[in-house]
Amino acid sequence: MKLRELAHSRAGDKGDISNISVIAYQEKDYALLEKYLTAERVKAHFSDIVRGDVLRYALPTLGALNFVMQRALGGGVTRSLALDAHGKCLSSAIMSLEIPDHIATPS
């Protein structure tokens, strides 16, 4: 299943750093996110734009994961030629990641 079936997302930026928060719709699905949404998978998903490290911060009380992606915005808002220099659309792009559905708990 697509990540968008389990969670929603928000993105932010500072310079050439983008951060994406992924928040589970339901508390019971947070464990799936934590297991399958690794920093390595996120970096691979954005391999065409992320040139630096990807760090993952777990916020279990909020049912959320926050990914900080270094060197992800083509130099930053004032230097990038990217159409979306702020990286706001990255929150939508992460939603296409596949999460195994064979272990998903039915609603």
PDB file of N, CA and C in Angstrom:
ATOM      1  N   MET A   1       0.844  -1.180   0.000  1.00  0.00           N
ATOM      2  CA  MET A   1       0.000   0.000   0.000  1.00  0.00           C
ATOM      3  C   MET A   1       0.882   1.233   0.000  1.00  0.00           C
ATOM      4  N   LYS A   2       0.322   2.316  -0.445  1.00  0.00           N
ATOM      5  CA  LYS A   2       1.048   3.586  -0.454  1.00  0.00           C
ATOM      6  C   LYS A   2       1.031   4.198   0.941  1.00  0.00           C
ATOM      7  N   LEU A   3       2.093   4.892   1.268  1.00  0.00           N
ATOM      8  CA  LEU A   3       2.213   5.557   2.562  1.00  0.00           C
ATOM      9  C   LEU A   3       1.028   6.474   2.826  1.00  0.00           C
ATOM     10  N   ARG A   4       0.489   7.096   1.775  1.00  0.00           N
ATOM     11  CA  ARG A   4      -0.627   8.043   1.944  1.00  0.00           C
ATOM     12  C   ARG A   4      -1.869   7.398   2.571  1.00  0.00           C
ATOM     13  N   GLU A   5      -1.949   6.070   2.539  1.00  0.00           N
ATOM     14  CA  GLU A   5      -3.088   5.379   3.147  1.00  0.00           C
ATOM     15  C   GLU A   5      -2.972   5.312   4.664  1.00  0.00           C
ATOM     16  N   LEU A   6      -1.758   5.508   5.184  1.00  0.00           N
ATOM     17  CA  LEU A   6      -1.516   5.403   6.624  1.00  0.00           C
ATOM     18  C   LEU A   6      -1.195   6.724   7.306  1.00  0.00           C
ATOM     19  N   ALA A   7      -0.786   7.722   6.503  1.00  0.00           N
ATOM     20  CA  ALA A   7      -0.224   8.929   7.124  1.00  0.00           C
ATOM     21  C   ALA A   7      -0.406  10.154   6.237  1.00  0.00           C
ATOM     22  N   HIS A   8      -0.162  11.293   6.850  1.00  0.00           N
ATOM     23  CA  HIS A   8      -0.081  12.551   6.105  1.00  0.00           C
ATOM     24  C   HIS A   8       1.287  13.147   6.382  1.00  0.00           C
ATOM     25  N   SER A   9       1.609  14.228   5.691  1.00  0.00           N
ATOM     26  CA  SER A   9       2.964  14.751   5.759  1.00  0.00           C
ATOM     27  C   SER A   9       2.987  16.270   5.636  1.00  0.00           C
ATOM     28  N   ARG A  10       4.049  16.844   6.183  1.00  0.00           N
ATOM     29  CA  ARG A  10       4.325  18.286   6.061  1.00  0.00           C
ATOM     30  C   ARG A  10       5.811  18.435   5.786  1.00  0.00           C
ATOM     31  N   ALA A  11       6.168  19.475   5.055  1.00  0.00           N
ATOM     32  CA  ALA A  11       7.578  19.720   4.749  1.00  0.00           C
ATOM     33  C   ALA A  11       7.955  21.141   5.127  1.00  0.00           C
ATOM     34  N   GLY A  12       9.218  21.309   5.447  1.00  0.00           N
ATOM     35  CA  GLY A  12       9.754  22.623   5.757  1.00  0.00           C
ATOM     36  C   GLY A  12      11.166  22.722   5.225  1.00  0.00           C
ATOM     37  N   ASP A  13      11.753  23.896   5.315  1.00  0.00           N
ATOM     38  CA  ASP A  13      13.099  24.073   4.787  1.00  0.00           C
ATOM     39  C   ASP A  13      13.841  25.147   5.562  1.00  0.00           C
ATOM     40  N   LYS A  14      15.141  25.053   5.488  1.00  0.00           N
ATOM     41  CA  LYS A  14      16.041  26.077   6.020  1.00  0.00           C
ATOM     42  C   LYS A  14      17.320  25.960   5.221  1.00  0.00           C
ATOM     43  N   GLY A  15      17.569  26.943   4.380  1.00  0.00           N
ATOM     44  CA  GLY A  15      18.742  26.879   3.525  1.00  0.00           C
ATOM     45  C   GLY A  15      18.643  25.713   2.555  1.00  0.00           C
ATOM     46  N   ASP A  16      19.637  24.844   2.579  1.00  0.00           N
ATOM     47  CA  ASP A  16      19.684  23.682   1.691  1.00  0.00           C
ATOM     48  C   ASP A  16      19.228  22.409   2.410  1.00  0.00           C
ATOM     49  N   ILE A  17      18.518  22.577   3.502  1.00  0.00           N
ATOM     50  CA  ILE A  17      18.031  21.442   4.298  1.00  0.00           C
ATOM     51  C   ILE A  17      16.512  21.393   4.202  1.00  0.00           C
ATOM     52  N   SER A  18      16.009  20.213   3.901  1.00  0.00           N
ATOM     53  CA  SER A  18      14.557  20.004   3.888  1.00  0.00           C
ATOM     54  C   SER A  18      14.213  19.042   5.006  1.00  0.00           C
ATOM     55  N   ASN A  19      13.115  19.300   5.678  1.00  0.00           N
ATOM     56  CA  ASN A  19      12.650  18.317   6.641  1.00  0.00           C
ATOM     57  C   ASN A  19      11.214  17.941   6.291  1.00  0.00           C
ATOM     58  N   ILE A  20      10.935  16.662   6.452  1.00  0.00           N
ATOM     59  CA  ILE A  20       9.614  16.129   6.159  1.00  0.00           C
ATOM     60  C   ILE A  20       9.134  15.369   7.386  1.00  0.00           C
ATOM     61  N   SER A  21       7.962  15.729   7.869  1.00  0.00           N
ATOM     62  CA  SER A  21       7.327  14.996   8.955  1.00  0.00           C
ATOM     63  C   SER A  21       6.256  14.103   8.364  1.00  0.00           C
ATOM     64  N   VAL A  22       6.216  12.861   8.824  1.00  0.00           N
ATOM     65  CA  VAL A  22       5.203  11.895   8.414  1.00  0.00           C
ATOM     66  C   VAL A  22       4.445  11.520   9.677  1.00  0.00           C
ATOM     67  N   ILE A  23       3.134  11.739   9.666  1.00  0.00           N
ATOM     68  CA  ILE A  23       2.311  11.558  10.856  1.00  0.00           C
ATOM     69  C   ILE A  23       1.236  10.524  10.576  1.00  0.00           C
ATOM     70  N   ALA A  24       1.198   9.479  11.388  1.00  0.00           N
ATOM     71  CA  ALA A  24       0.206   8.415  11.216  1.00  0.00           C
ATOM     72  C   ALA A  24      -1.197   8.951  11.480  1.00  0.00           C
ATOM     73  N   TYR A  25      -2.146   8.529  10.651  1.00  0.00           N
ATOM     74  CA  TYR A  25      -3.539   8.896  10.892  1.00  0.00           C
ATOM     75  C   TYR A  25      -4.046   8.245  12.175  1.00  0.00           C
ATOM     76  N   GLN A  26      -3.645   6.978  12.359  1.00  0.00           N
ATOM     77  CA  GLN A  26      -4.108   6.218  13.516  1.00  0.00           C
ATOM     78  C   GLN A  26      -2.912   5.717  14.316  1.00  0.00           C
ATOM     79  N   GLU A  27      -3.037   5.764  15.618  1.00  0.00           N
ATOM     80  CA  GLU A  27      -1.957   5.374  16.515  1.00  0.00           C
ATOM     81  C   GLU A  27      -1.440   3.966  16.220  1.00  0.00           C
ATOM     82  N   LYS A  28      -2.342   3.068  15.867  1.00  0.00           N
ATOM     83  CA  LYS A  28      -1.969   1.672  15.638  1.00  0.00           C
ATOM     84  C   LYS A  28      -1.029   1.505  14.439  1.00  0.00           C
ATOM     85  N   ASP A  29      -0.998   2.457  13.540  1.00  0.00           N
ATOM     86  CA  ASP A  29      -0.165   2.347  12.348  1.00  0.00           C
ATOM     87  C   ASP A  29       1.236   2.917  12.521  1.00  0.00           C
ATOM     88  N   TYR A  30       1.502   3.560  13.633  1.00  0.00           N
ATOM     89  CA  TYR A  30       2.819   4.149  13.855  1.00  0.00           C
ATOM     90  C   TYR A  30       3.924   3.090  13.808  1.00  0.00           C
ATOM     91  N   ALA A  31       3.678   1.913  14.369  1.00  0.00           N
ATOM     92  CA  ALA A  31       4.692   0.851  14.370  1.00  0.00           C
ATOM     93  C   ALA A  31       5.099   0.470  12.944  1.00  0.00           C
ATOM     94  N   LEU A  32       4.152   0.457  12.020  1.00  0.00           N
ATOM     95  CA  LEU A  32       4.469   0.172  10.616  1.00  0.00           C
ATOM     96  C   LEU A  32       5.370   1.254  10.033  1.00  0.00           C
ATOM     97  N   LEU A  33       5.028   2.486  10.322  1.00  0.00           N
ATOM     98  CA  LEU A  33       5.851   3.595   9.829  1.00  0.00           C
ATOM     99  C   LEU A  33       7.261   3.482  10.382  1.00  0.00           C
ATOM    100  N   GLU A  34       7.358   3.233  11.669  1.00  0.00           N
ATOM    101  CA  GLU A  34       8.664   3.162  12.307  1.00  0.00           C
ATOM    102  C   GLU A  34       9.508   2.018  11.737  1.00  0.00           C
ATOM    103  N   LYS A  35       8.853   0.912  11.411  1.00  0.00           N
ATOM    104  CA  LYS A  35       9.574  -0.252  10.887  1.00  0.00           C
ATOM    105  C   LYS A  35      10.018  -0.071   9.437  1.00  0.00           C
ATOM    106  N   TYR A  36       9.151   0.462   8.606  1.00  0.00           N
ATOM    107  CA  TYR A  36       9.414   0.474   7.165  1.00  0.00           C
ATOM    108  C   TYR A  36       9.851   1.825   6.593  1.00  0.00           C
ATOM    109  N   LEU A  37       9.673   2.878   7.334  1.00  0.00           N
ATOM    110  CA  LEU A  37      10.047   4.195   6.828  1.00  0.00           C
ATOM    111  C   LEU A  37      11.377   4.601   7.461  1.00  0.00           C
ATOM    112  N   THR A  38      12.442   4.040   6.917  1.00  0.00           N
ATOM    113  CA  THR A  38      13.777   4.274   7.456  1.00  0.00           C
ATOM    114  C   THR A  38      14.438   5.457   6.744  1.00  0.00           C
ATOM    115  N   ALA A  39      15.482   5.968   7.353  1.00  0.00           N
ATOM    116  CA  ALA A  39      16.246   7.049   6.723  1.00  0.00           C
ATOM    117  C   ALA A  39      16.822   6.581   5.388  1.00  0.00           C
ATOM    118  N   GLU A  40      17.240   5.329   5.318  1.00  0.00           N
ATOM    119  CA  GLU A  40      17.810   4.783   4.092  1.00  0.00           C
ATOM    120  C   GLU A  40      16.770   4.726   2.968  1.00  0.00           C
ATOM    121  N   ARG A  41      15.555   4.316   3.296  1.00  0.00           N
ATOM    122  CA  ARG A  41      14.502   4.257   2.280  1.00  0.00           C
ATOM    123  C   ARG A  41      14.123   5.650   1.799  1.00  0.00           C
ATOM    124  N   VAL A  42      14.063   6.600   2.714  1.00  0.00           N
ATOM    125  CA  VAL A  42      13.723   7.969   2.330  1.00  0.00           C
ATOM    126  C   VAL A  42      14.825   8.546   1.445  1.00  0.00           C
ATOM    127  N   LYS A  43      16.083   8.304   1.801  1.00  0.00           N
ATOM    128  CA  LYS A  43      17.186   8.797   0.976  1.00  0.00           C
ATOM    129  C   LYS A  43      17.130   8.163  -0.415  1.00  0.00           C
ATOM    130  N   ALA A  44      16.854   6.877  -0.492  1.00  0.00           N
ATOM    131  CA  ALA A  44      16.752   6.198  -1.794  1.00  0.00           C
ATOM    132  C   ALA A  44      15.582   6.758  -2.602  1.00  0.00           C
ATOM    133  N   HIS A  45      14.477   7.042  -1.928  1.00  0.00           N
ATOM    134  CA  HIS A  45      13.293   7.581  -2.606  1.00  0.00           C
ATOM    135  C   HIS A  45      13.583   8.945  -3.227  1.00  0.00           C
ATOM    136  N   PHE A  46      14.395   9.732  -2.553  1.00  0.00           N
ATOM    137  CA  PHE A  46      14.740  11.070  -3.031  1.00  0.00           C
ATOM    138  C   PHE A  46      16.177  11.126  -3.576  1.00  0.00           C
ATOM    139  N   SER A  47      16.669  10.013  -4.071  1.00  0.00           N
ATOM    140  CA  SER A  47      18.072   9.936  -4.498  1.00  0.00           C
ATOM    141  C   SER A  47      18.421  10.908  -5.622  1.00  0.00           C
ATOM    142  N   ASP A  48      17.443  11.333  -6.378  1.00  0.00           N
ATOM    143  CA  ASP A  48      17.729  12.264  -7.471  1.00  0.00           C
ATOM    144  C   ASP A  48      17.933  13.695  -6.994  1.00  0.00           C
ATOM    145  N   ILE A  49      17.563  14.002  -5.748  1.00  0.00           N
ATOM    146  CA  ILE A  49      17.737  15.380  -5.260  1.00  0.00           C
ATOM    147  C   ILE A  49      18.542  15.499  -3.973  1.00  0.00           C
ATOM    148  N   VAL A  50      18.531  14.488  -3.119  1.00  0.00           N
ATOM    149  CA  VAL A  50      19.235  14.572  -1.834  1.00  0.00           C
ATOM    150  C   VAL A  50      20.694  14.187  -2.036  1.00  0.00           C
ATOM    151  N   ARG A  51      21.578  15.128  -1.751  1.00  0.00           N
ATOM    152  CA  ARG A  51      23.019  14.915  -1.932  1.00  0.00           C
ATOM    153  C   ARG A  51      23.755  14.705  -0.607  1.00  0.00           C
ATOM    154  N   GLY A  52      23.059  14.846   0.494  1.00  0.00           N
ATOM    155  CA  GLY A  52      23.679  14.691   1.807  1.00  0.00           C
ATOM    156  C   GLY A  52      23.011  13.595   2.614  1.00  0.00           C
ATOM    157  N   ASP A  53      23.251  13.636   3.901  1.00  0.00           N
ATOM    158  CA  ASP A  53      22.691  12.644   4.815  1.00  0.00           C
ATOM    159  C   ASP A  53      21.203  12.863   5.039  1.00  0.00           C
ATOM    160  N   VAL A  54      20.533  11.786   5.404  1.00  0.00           N
ATOM    161  CA  VAL A  54      19.142  11.841   5.846  1.00  0.00           C
ATOM    162  C   VAL A  54      19.113  11.292   7.265  1.00  0.00           C
ATOM    163  N   LEU A  55      18.616  12.079   8.184  1.00  0.00           N
ATOM    164  CA  LEU A  55      18.486  11.667   9.585  1.00  0.00           C
ATOM    165  C   LEU A  55      17.015  11.494   9.913  1.00  0.00           C
ATOM    166  N   ARG A  56      16.702  10.476  10.702  1.00  0.00           N
ATOM    167  CA  ARG A  56      15.319  10.239  11.113  1.00  0.00           C
ATOM    168  C   ARG A  56      15.204  10.442  12.613  1.00  0.00           C
ATOM    169  N   TYR A  57      14.172  11.186  12.990  1.00  0.00           N
ATOM    170  CA  TYR A  57      13.855  11.400  14.399  1.00  0.00           C
ATOM    171  C   TYR A  57      12.471  10.828  14.650  1.00  0.00           C
ATOM    172  N   ALA A  58      12.379   9.943  15.640  1.00  0.00           N
ATOM    173  CA  ALA A  58      11.110   9.313  15.979  1.00  0.00           C
ATOM    174  C   ALA A  58      10.424  10.119  17.075  1.00  0.00           C
ATOM    175  N   LEU A  59       9.134  10.344  16.901  1.00  0.00           N
ATOM    176  CA  LEU A  59       8.303  11.055  17.877  1.00  0.00           C
ATOM    177  C   LEU A  59       7.093  10.167  18.189  1.00  0.00           C
ATOM    178  N   PRO A  60       7.308   9.082  18.916  1.00  0.00           N
ATOM    179  CA  PRO A  60       6.234   8.107  19.136  1.00  0.00           C
ATOM    180  C   PRO A  60       5.002   8.667  19.842  1.00  0.00           C
ATOM    181  N   THR A  61       5.187   9.611  20.732  1.00  0.00           N
ATOM    182  CA  THR A  61       4.035  10.192  21.426  1.00  0.00           C
ATOM    183  C   THR A  61       3.110  10.903  20.445  1.00  0.00           C
ATOM    184  N   LEU A  62       3.682  11.449  19.382  1.00  0.00           N
ATOM    185  CA  LEU A  62       2.891  12.132  18.356  1.00  0.00           C
ATOM    186  C   LEU A  62       2.519  11.202  17.205  1.00  0.00           C
ATOM    187  N   GLY A  63       3.075   9.989  17.196  1.00  0.00           N
ATOM    188  CA  GLY A  63       2.843   9.074  16.091  1.00  0.00           C
ATOM    189  C   GLY A  63       3.477   9.577  14.811  1.00  0.00           C
ATOM    190  N   ALA A  64       4.654  10.191  14.944  1.00  0.00           N
ATOM    191  CA  ALA A  64       5.281  10.842  13.798  1.00  0.00           C
ATOM    192  C   ALA A  64       6.761  10.507  13.682  1.00  0.00           C
ATOM    193  N   LEU A  65       7.247  10.634  12.460  1.00  0.00           N
ATOM    194  CA  LEU A  65       8.676  10.547  12.163  1.00  0.00           C
ATOM    195  C   LEU A  65       9.056  11.831  11.453  1.00  0.00           C
ATOM    196  N   ASN A  66      10.228  12.352  11.762  1.00  0.00           N
ATOM    197  CA  ASN A  66      10.712  13.558  11.094  1.00  0.00           C
ATOM    198  C   ASN A  66      12.037  13.226  10.407  1.00  0.00           C
ATOM    199  N   PHE A  67      12.116  13.544   9.130  1.00  0.00           N
ATOM    200  CA  PHE A  67      13.314  13.287   8.338  1.00  0.00           C
ATOM    201  C   PHE A  67      13.970  14.613   7.983  1.00  0.00           C
ATOM    202  N   VAL A  68      15.252  14.724   8.307  1.00  0.00           N
ATOM    203  CA  VAL A  68      16.019  15.921   7.981  1.00  0.00           C
ATOM    204  C   VAL A  68      16.979  15.523   6.864  1.00  0.00           C
ATOM    205  N   MET A  69      16.819  16.173   5.718  1.00  0.00           N
ATOM    206  CA  MET A  69      17.585  15.819   4.530  1.00  0.00           C
ATOM    207  C   MET A  69      18.559  16.950   4.195  1.00  0.00           C
ATOM    208  N   GLN A  70      19.842  16.662   4.335  1.00  0.00           N
ATOM    209  CA  GLN A  70      20.901  17.636   4.070  1.00  0.00           C
ATOM    210  C   GLN A  70      21.165  17.740   2.569  1.00  0.00           C
ATOM    211  N   ARG A  71      21.507  18.956   2.124  1.00  0.00           N
ATOM    212  CA  ARG A  71      21.831  19.189   0.713  1.00  0.00           C
ATOM    213  C   ARG A  71      20.720  18.648  -0.190  1.00  0.00           C
ATOM    214  N   ALA A  72      19.497  19.066   0.088  1.00  0.00           N
ATOM    215  CA  ALA A  72      18.335  18.532  -0.615  1.00  0.00           C
ATOM    216  C   ALA A  72      17.623  19.544  -1.500  1.00  0.00           C
ATOM    217  N   LEU A  73      18.023  20.799  -1.446  1.00  0.00           N
ATOM    218  CA  LEU A  73      17.263  21.834  -2.155  1.00  0.00           C
ATOM    219  C   LEU A  73      18.105  22.593  -3.185  1.00  0.00           C
ATOM    220  N   GLY A  74      19.074  21.919  -3.759  1.00  0.00           N
ATOM    221  CA  GLY A  74      19.861  22.525  -4.824  1.00  0.00           C
ATOM    222  C   GLY A  74      20.583  23.791  -4.418  1.00  0.00           C
ATOM    223  N   GLY A  75      21.016  23.860  -3.174  1.00  0.00           N
ATOM    224  CA  GLY A  75      21.725  25.038  -2.691  1.00  0.00           C
ATOM    225  C   GLY A  75      20.876  25.956  -1.826  1.00  0.00           C
ATOM    226  N   GLY A  76      19.576  25.749  -1.823  1.00  0.00           N
ATOM    227  CA  GLY A  76      18.680  26.585  -1.024  1.00  0.00           C
ATOM    228  C   GLY A  76      17.852  27.518  -1.890  1.00  0.00           C
ATOM    229  N   VAL A  77      16.908  28.168  -1.280  1.00  0.00           N
ATOM    230  CA  VAL A  77      15.933  28.985  -2.001  1.00  0.00           C
ATOM    231  C   VAL A  77      16.580  30.054  -2.867  1.00  0.00           C
ATOM    232  N   THR A  78      17.580  30.727  -2.356  1.00  0.00           N
ATOM    233  CA  THR A  78      18.175  31.833  -3.125  1.00  0.00           C
ATOM    234  C   THR A  78      19.190  31.371  -4.161  1.00  0.00           C
ATOM    235  N   ARG A  79      19.546  30.094  -4.159  1.00  0.00           N
ATOM    236  CA  ARG A  79      20.555  29.591  -5.099  1.00  0.00           C
ATOM    237  C   ARG A  79      20.014  28.572  -6.084  1.00  0.00           C
ATOM    238  N   SER A  80      18.904  27.971  -5.767  1.00  0.00           N
ATOM    239  CA  SER A  80      18.386  26.873  -6.571  1.00  0.00           C
ATOM    240  C   SER A  80      17.637  27.361  -7.809  1.00  0.00           C
ATOM    241  N   LEU A  81      17.758  26.598  -8.871  1.00  0.00           N
ATOM    242  CA  LEU A  81      16.967  26.839 -10.071  1.00  0.00           C
ATOM    243  C   LEU A  81      15.738  25.945 -10.099  1.00  0.00           C
ATOM    244  N   ALA A  82      15.524  25.198  -9.033  1.00  0.00           N
ATOM    245  CA  ALA A  82      14.383  24.273  -8.959  1.00  0.00           C
ATOM    246  C   ALA A  82      13.074  25.043  -8.951  1.00  0.00           C
ATOM    247  N   LEU A  83      12.064  24.458  -9.568  1.00  0.00           N
ATOM    248  CA  LEU A  83      10.739  25.065  -9.607  1.00  0.00           C
ATOM    249  C   LEU A  83      10.172  25.224  -8.196  1.00  0.00           C
ATOM    250  N   ASP A  84      10.407  24.220  -7.341  1.00  0.00           N
ATOM    251  CA  ASP A  84       9.946  24.255  -5.955  1.00  0.00           C
ATOM    252  C   ASP A  84      11.170  24.389  -5.050  1.00  0.00           C
ATOM    253  N   ALA A  85      11.762  25.540  -5.013  1.00  0.00           N
ATOM    254  CA  ALA A  85      13.004  25.745  -4.267  1.00  0.00           C
ATOM    255  C   ALA A  85      12.846  25.525  -2.772  1.00  0.00           C
ATOM    256  N   HIS A  86      11.645  25.670  -2.248  1.00  0.00           N
ATOM    257  CA  HIS A  86      11.395  25.442  -0.822  1.00  0.00           C
ATOM    258  C   HIS A  86      11.228  23.968  -0.491  1.00  0.00           C
ATOM    259  N   GLY A  87      10.957  23.138  -1.474  1.00  0.00           N
ATOM    260  CA  GLY A  87      10.785  21.708  -1.234  1.00  0.00           C
ATOM    261  C   GLY A  87       9.447  21.339  -0.628  1.00  0.00           C
ATOM    262  N   LYS A  88       8.443  22.216  -0.730  1.00  0.00           N
ATOM    263  CA  LYS A  88       7.135  21.923  -0.123  1.00  0.00           C
ATOM    264  C   LYS A  88       6.467  20.703  -0.761  1.00  0.00           C
ATOM    265  N   CYS A  89       6.719  20.475  -2.048  1.00  0.00           N
ATOM    266  CA  CYS A  89       6.077  19.335  -2.704  1.00  0.00           C
ATOM    267  C   CYS A  89       6.684  18.003  -2.265  1.00  0.00           C
ATOM    268  N   LEU A  90       7.806  18.030  -1.557  1.00  0.00           N
ATOM    269  CA  LEU A  90       8.399  16.785  -1.087  1.00  0.00           C
ATOM    270  C   LEU A  90       7.478  16.056  -0.117  1.00  0.00           C
ATOM    271  N   SER A  91       6.631  16.797   0.586  1.00  0.00           N
ATOM    272  CA  SER A  91       5.685  16.135   1.484  1.00  0.00           C
ATOM    273  C   SER A  91       4.686  15.296   0.706  1.00  0.00           C
ATOM    274  N   SER A  92       4.349  15.711  -0.504  1.00  0.00           N
ATOM    275  CA  SER A  92       3.474  14.909  -1.361  1.00  0.00           C
ATOM    276  C   SER A  92       4.249  13.762  -1.990  1.00  0.00           C
ATOM    277  N   ALA A  93       5.483  14.016  -2.380  1.00  0.00           N
ATOM    278  CA  ALA A  93       6.295  12.998  -3.048  1.00  0.00           C
ATOM    279  C   ALA A  93       6.577  11.796  -2.153  1.00  0.00           C
ATOM    280  N   ILE A  94       6.748  12.017  -0.861  1.00  0.00           N
ATOM    281  CA  ILE A  94       7.040  10.890   0.036  1.00  0.00           C
ATOM    282  C   ILE A  94       5.829   9.964   0.189  1.00  0.00           C
ATOM    283  N   MET A  95       4.653  10.492  -0.063  1.00  0.00           N
ATOM    284  CA  MET A  95       3.432   9.704   0.109  1.00  0.00           C
ATOM    285  C   MET A  95       3.316   8.544  -0.880  1.00  0.00           C
ATOM    286  N   SER A  96       4.140   8.521  -1.920  1.00  0.00           N
ATOM    287  CA  SER A  96       4.085   7.425  -2.888  1.00  0.00           C
ATOM    288  C   SER A  96       4.956   6.233  -2.492  1.00  0.00           C
ATOM    289  N   LEU A  97       5.666   6.344  -1.382  1.00  0.00           N
ATOM    290  CA  LEU A  97       6.459   5.204  -0.903  1.00  0.00           C
ATOM    291  C   LEU A  97       5.544   4.023  -0.605  1.00  0.00           C
ATOM    292  N   GLU A  98       6.019   2.827  -0.919  1.00  0.00           N
ATOM    293  CA  GLU A  98       5.265   1.606  -0.641  1.00  0.00           C
ATOM    294  C   GLU A  98       5.555   1.100   0.764  1.00  0.00           C
ATOM    295  N   ILE A  99       4.492   0.746   1.467  1.00  0.00           N
ATOM    296  CA  ILE A  99       4.583   0.117   2.792  1.00  0.00           C
ATOM    297  C   ILE A  99       3.923  -1.248   2.650  1.00  0.00           C
ATOM    298  N   PRO A 100       4.572  -2.324   3.098  1.00  0.00           N
ATOM    299  CA  PRO A 100       3.953  -3.648   2.968  1.00  0.00           C
ATOM    300  C   PRO A 100       2.573  -3.678   3.631  1.00  0.00           C
ATOM    301  N   ASP A 101       1.572  -4.162   2.885  1.00  0.00           N
ATOM    302  CA  ASP A 101       0.213  -4.168   3.436  1.00  0.00           C
ATOM    303  C   ASP A 101      -0.174  -5.502   4.050  1.00  0.00           C
ATOM    304  N   HIS A 102       0.643  -6.507   3.889  1.00  0.00           N
ATOM    305  CA  HIS A 102       0.289  -7.826   4.432  1.00  0.00           C
ATOM    306  C   HIS A 102       0.288  -7.861   5.954  1.00  0.00           C
ATOM    307  N   ILE A 103       0.889  -6.867   6.599  1.00  0.00           N
ATOM    308  CA  ILE A 103       0.903  -6.859   8.057  1.00  0.00           C
ATOM    309  C   ILE A 103       0.085  -5.684   8.616  1.00  0.00           C
ATOM    310  N   ALA A 104      -0.537  -4.946   7.735  1.00  0.00           N
ATOM    311  CA  ALA A 104      -1.325  -3.792   8.188  1.00  0.00           C
ATOM    312  C   ALA A 104      -2.533  -4.268   8.982  1.00  0.00           C
ATOM    313  N   THR A 105      -2.821  -3.563  10.050  1.00  0.00           N
ATOM    314  CA  THR A 105      -3.975  -3.867  10.857  1.00  0.00           C
ATOM    315  C   THR A 105      -5.203  -3.250  10.198  1.00  0.00           C
ATOM    316  N   PRO A 106      -6.269  -4.041   9.969  1.00  0.00           N
ATOM    317  CA  PRO A 106      -7.470  -3.464   9.345  1.00  0.00           C
ATOM    318  C   PRO A 106      -8.080  -2.362  10.212  1.00  0.00           C
ATOM    319  N   SER A 107      -8.697  -1.400   9.548  1.00  0.00           N
ATOM    320  CA  SER A 107      -9.330  -0.286  10.267  1.00  0.00           C
ATOM    321  C   SER A 107     -10.568  -0.735  10.994  1.00  0.00           C
TER     322      SER A 107
END
